[in-house]
Amino acid sequence: MRKFTLAAAAALVVAGFSINAASAETTLRDCRTAAEQVKTALDGKEQSGNYDDAVKHRNMGRDFCTHGMYAPGVSQYQEALRLIGASNG
């Protein structure tokens, strides 16, 4: 299932999601920072209406970052933060 999710997400990126020029500078460090922000934001928010969706985006972010696709990974982490109602700095 995880492989399908990553493949589907990657297909979306290839099919038309544009990545701006600044994202070319996104690094593993950015992924780690975003992952920590999401972890902190999700702690204790299990009752939130968007919790499950935020977790899905967190997982997609982790998968992208694990495969060296840092910009889409950080984007997924940012969406998780948005869904949970947290600021991403």
C-alpha atoms as a PDB file:
ATOM      1  CA  MET A   1       0.000   0.000   0.000  1.00  0.00           C
ATOM      2  CA  ARG A   2       2.805   2.430   0.834  1.00  0.00           C
ATOM      3  CA  LYS A   3       4.471   1.770  -2.521  1.00  0.00           C
ATOM      4  CA  PHE A   4       1.206   2.556  -4.273  1.00  0.00           C
ATOM      5  CA  THR A   5       0.804   5.790  -2.303  1.00  0.00           C
ATOM      6  CA  LEU A   6       4.315   6.933  -3.185  1.00  0.00           C
ATOM      7  CA  ALA A   7       3.848   5.944  -6.812  1.00  0.00           C
ATOM      8  CA  ALA A   8       0.521   7.786  -7.007  1.00  0.00           C
ATOM      9  CA  ALA A   9       1.976  10.869  -5.368  1.00  0.00           C
ATOM     10  CA  ALA A  10       5.013  10.792  -7.653  1.00  0.00           C
ATOM     11  CA  ALA A  11       2.728  10.476 -10.662  1.00  0.00           C
ATOM     12  CA  LEU A  12       0.878  13.596  -9.544  1.00  0.00           C
ATOM     13  CA  VAL A  13       4.141  15.487  -9.332  1.00  0.00           C
ATOM     14  CA  VAL A  14       5.193  14.323 -12.785  1.00  0.00           C
ATOM     15  CA  ALA A  15       1.719  14.862 -14.245  1.00  0.00           C
ATOM     16  CA  GLY A  16       1.457  18.502 -13.462  1.00  0.00           C
ATOM     17  CA  PHE A  17       2.419  19.743 -10.045  1.00  0.00           C
ATOM     18  CA  SER A  18       4.891  22.531 -10.637  1.00  0.00           C
ATOM     19  CA  ILE A  19       7.784  23.019  -8.289  1.00  0.00           C
ATOM     20  CA  ASN A  20       9.015  26.604  -8.021  1.00  0.00           C
ATOM     21  CA  ALA A  21      12.657  27.581  -8.409  1.00  0.00           C
ATOM     22  CA  ALA A  22      13.217  27.987  -4.674  1.00  0.00           C
ATOM     23  CA  SER A  23      12.273  24.366  -4.119  1.00  0.00           C
ATOM     24  CA  ALA A  24      15.358  23.295  -6.063  1.00  0.00           C
ATOM     25  CA  GLU A  25      17.273  24.303  -2.952  1.00  0.00           C
ATOM     26  CA  THR A  26      15.173  22.151  -0.616  1.00  0.00           C
ATOM     27  CA  THR A  27      17.365  19.734   1.311  1.00  0.00           C
ATOM     28  CA  LEU A  28      17.165  16.755   3.616  1.00  0.00           C
ATOM     29  CA  ARG A  29      17.574  19.198   6.504  1.00  0.00           C
ATOM     30  CA  ASP A  30      14.370  20.956   5.376  1.00  0.00           C
ATOM     31  CA  CYS A  31      12.596  17.594   5.398  1.00  0.00           C
ATOM     32  CA  ARG A  32      13.821  16.829   8.894  1.00  0.00           C
ATOM     33  CA  THR A  33      12.754  20.249  10.180  1.00  0.00           C
ATOM     34  CA  ALA A  34       9.313  19.945   8.596  1.00  0.00           C
ATOM     35  CA  ALA A  35       8.906  16.392   9.925  1.00  0.00           C
ATOM     36  CA  GLU A  36       9.656  17.567  13.460  1.00  0.00           C
ATOM     37  CA  GLN A  37       7.175  20.448  13.113  1.00  0.00           C
ATOM     38  CA  VAL A  38       4.465  18.034  11.989  1.00  0.00           C
ATOM     39  CA  LYS A  39       5.272  15.572  14.773  1.00  0.00           C
ATOM     40  CA  THR A  40       4.971  18.326  17.366  1.00  0.00           C
ATOM     41  CA  ALA A  41       1.761  19.654  15.808  1.00  0.00           C
ATOM     42  CA  LEU A  42       0.134  16.213  15.694  1.00  0.00           C
ATOM     43  CA  ASP A  43       0.989  15.305  19.291  1.00  0.00           C
ATOM     44  CA  GLY A  44      -2.227  15.387  21.290  1.00  0.00           C
ATOM     45  CA  LYS A  45      -4.415  16.315  18.318  1.00  0.00           C
ATOM     46  CA  GLU A  46      -5.921  12.855  17.718  1.00  0.00           C
ATOM     47  CA  GLN A  47      -9.442  14.251  18.169  1.00  0.00           C
ATOM     48  CA  SER A  48      -8.999  16.858  15.428  1.00  0.00           C
ATOM     49  CA  GLY A  49     -11.358  16.428  12.496  1.00  0.00           C
ATOM     50  CA  ASN A  50      -8.446  16.555  10.038  1.00  0.00           C
ATOM     51  CA  TYR A  51      -6.064  14.363  12.024  1.00  0.00           C
ATOM     52  CA  ASP A  52      -6.266  11.320   9.722  1.00  0.00           C
ATOM     53  CA  ASP A  53      -5.749  13.438   6.595  1.00  0.00           C
ATOM     54  CA  ALA A  54      -2.830  15.236   8.224  1.00  0.00           C
ATOM     55  CA  VAL A  55      -1.250  11.874   9.068  1.00  0.00           C
ATOM     56  CA  LYS A  56      -1.652  10.761   5.438  1.00  0.00           C
ATOM     57  CA  HIS A  57       0.147  13.897   4.235  1.00  0.00           C
ATOM     58  CA  ARG A  58       2.838  13.413   6.889  1.00  0.00           C
ATOM     59  CA  ASN A  59       3.383   9.865   5.633  1.00  0.00           C
ATOM     60  CA  MET A  60       3.554  11.014   2.007  1.00  0.00           C
ATOM     61  CA  GLY A  61       6.040  13.706   3.035  1.00  0.00           C
ATOM     62  CA  ARG A  62       8.171  11.106   4.781  1.00  0.00           C
ATOM     63  CA  ASP A  63       8.053   8.837   1.729  1.00  0.00           C
ATOM     64  CA  PHE A  64       9.060  11.630  -0.665  1.00  0.00           C
ATOM     65  CA  CYS A  65      11.908  12.742   1.594  1.00  0.00           C
ATOM     66  CA  THR A  66      13.098   9.158   2.061  1.00  0.00           C
ATOM     67  CA  HIS A  67      13.387   8.844  -1.717  1.00  0.00           C
ATOM     68  CA  GLY A  68      15.317  12.101  -2.125  1.00  0.00           C
ATOM     69  CA  MET A  69      12.361  14.140  -3.373  1.00  0.00           C
ATOM     70  CA  TYR A  70      12.742  16.878  -0.787  1.00  0.00           C
ATOM     71  CA  ALA A  71      10.597  19.670  -2.253  1.00  0.00           C
ATOM     72  CA  PRO A  72       7.449  17.563  -2.669  1.00  0.00           C
ATOM     73  CA  GLY A  73       8.153  16.028   0.728  1.00  0.00           C
ATOM     74  CA  VAL A  74       8.263  19.404   2.447  1.00  0.00           C
ATOM     75  CA  SER A  75       5.130  20.404   0.533  1.00  0.00           C
ATOM     76  CA  GLN A  76       3.295  17.385   1.943  1.00  0.00           C
ATOM     77  CA  TYR A  77       4.495  18.217   5.453  1.00  0.00           C
ATOM     78  CA  GLN A  78       3.235  21.782   4.982  1.00  0.00           C
ATOM     79  CA  GLU A  79      -0.161  20.456   3.943  1.00  0.00           C
ATOM     80  CA  ALA A  80      -0.255  18.302   7.068  1.00  0.00           C
ATOM     81  CA  LEU A  81       0.444  21.391   9.166  1.00  0.00           C
ATOM     82  CA  ARG A  82      -2.281  23.317   7.358  1.00  0.00           C
ATOM     83  CA  LEU A  83      -4.800  20.556   7.967  1.00  0.00           C
ATOM     84  CA  ILE A  84      -4.045  20.351  11.663  1.00  0.00           C
ATOM     85  CA  GLY A  85      -4.226  24.139  11.930  1.00  0.00           C
ATOM     86  CA  ALA A  86      -0.580  24.669  12.860  1.00  0.00           C
ATOM     87  CA  SER A  87       1.702  27.396  11.632  1.00  0.00           C
ATOM     88  CA  ASN A  88       4.719  26.281   9.647  1.00  0.00           C
ATOM     89  CA  GLY A  89       6.909  29.210  10.520  1.00  0.00           C
END
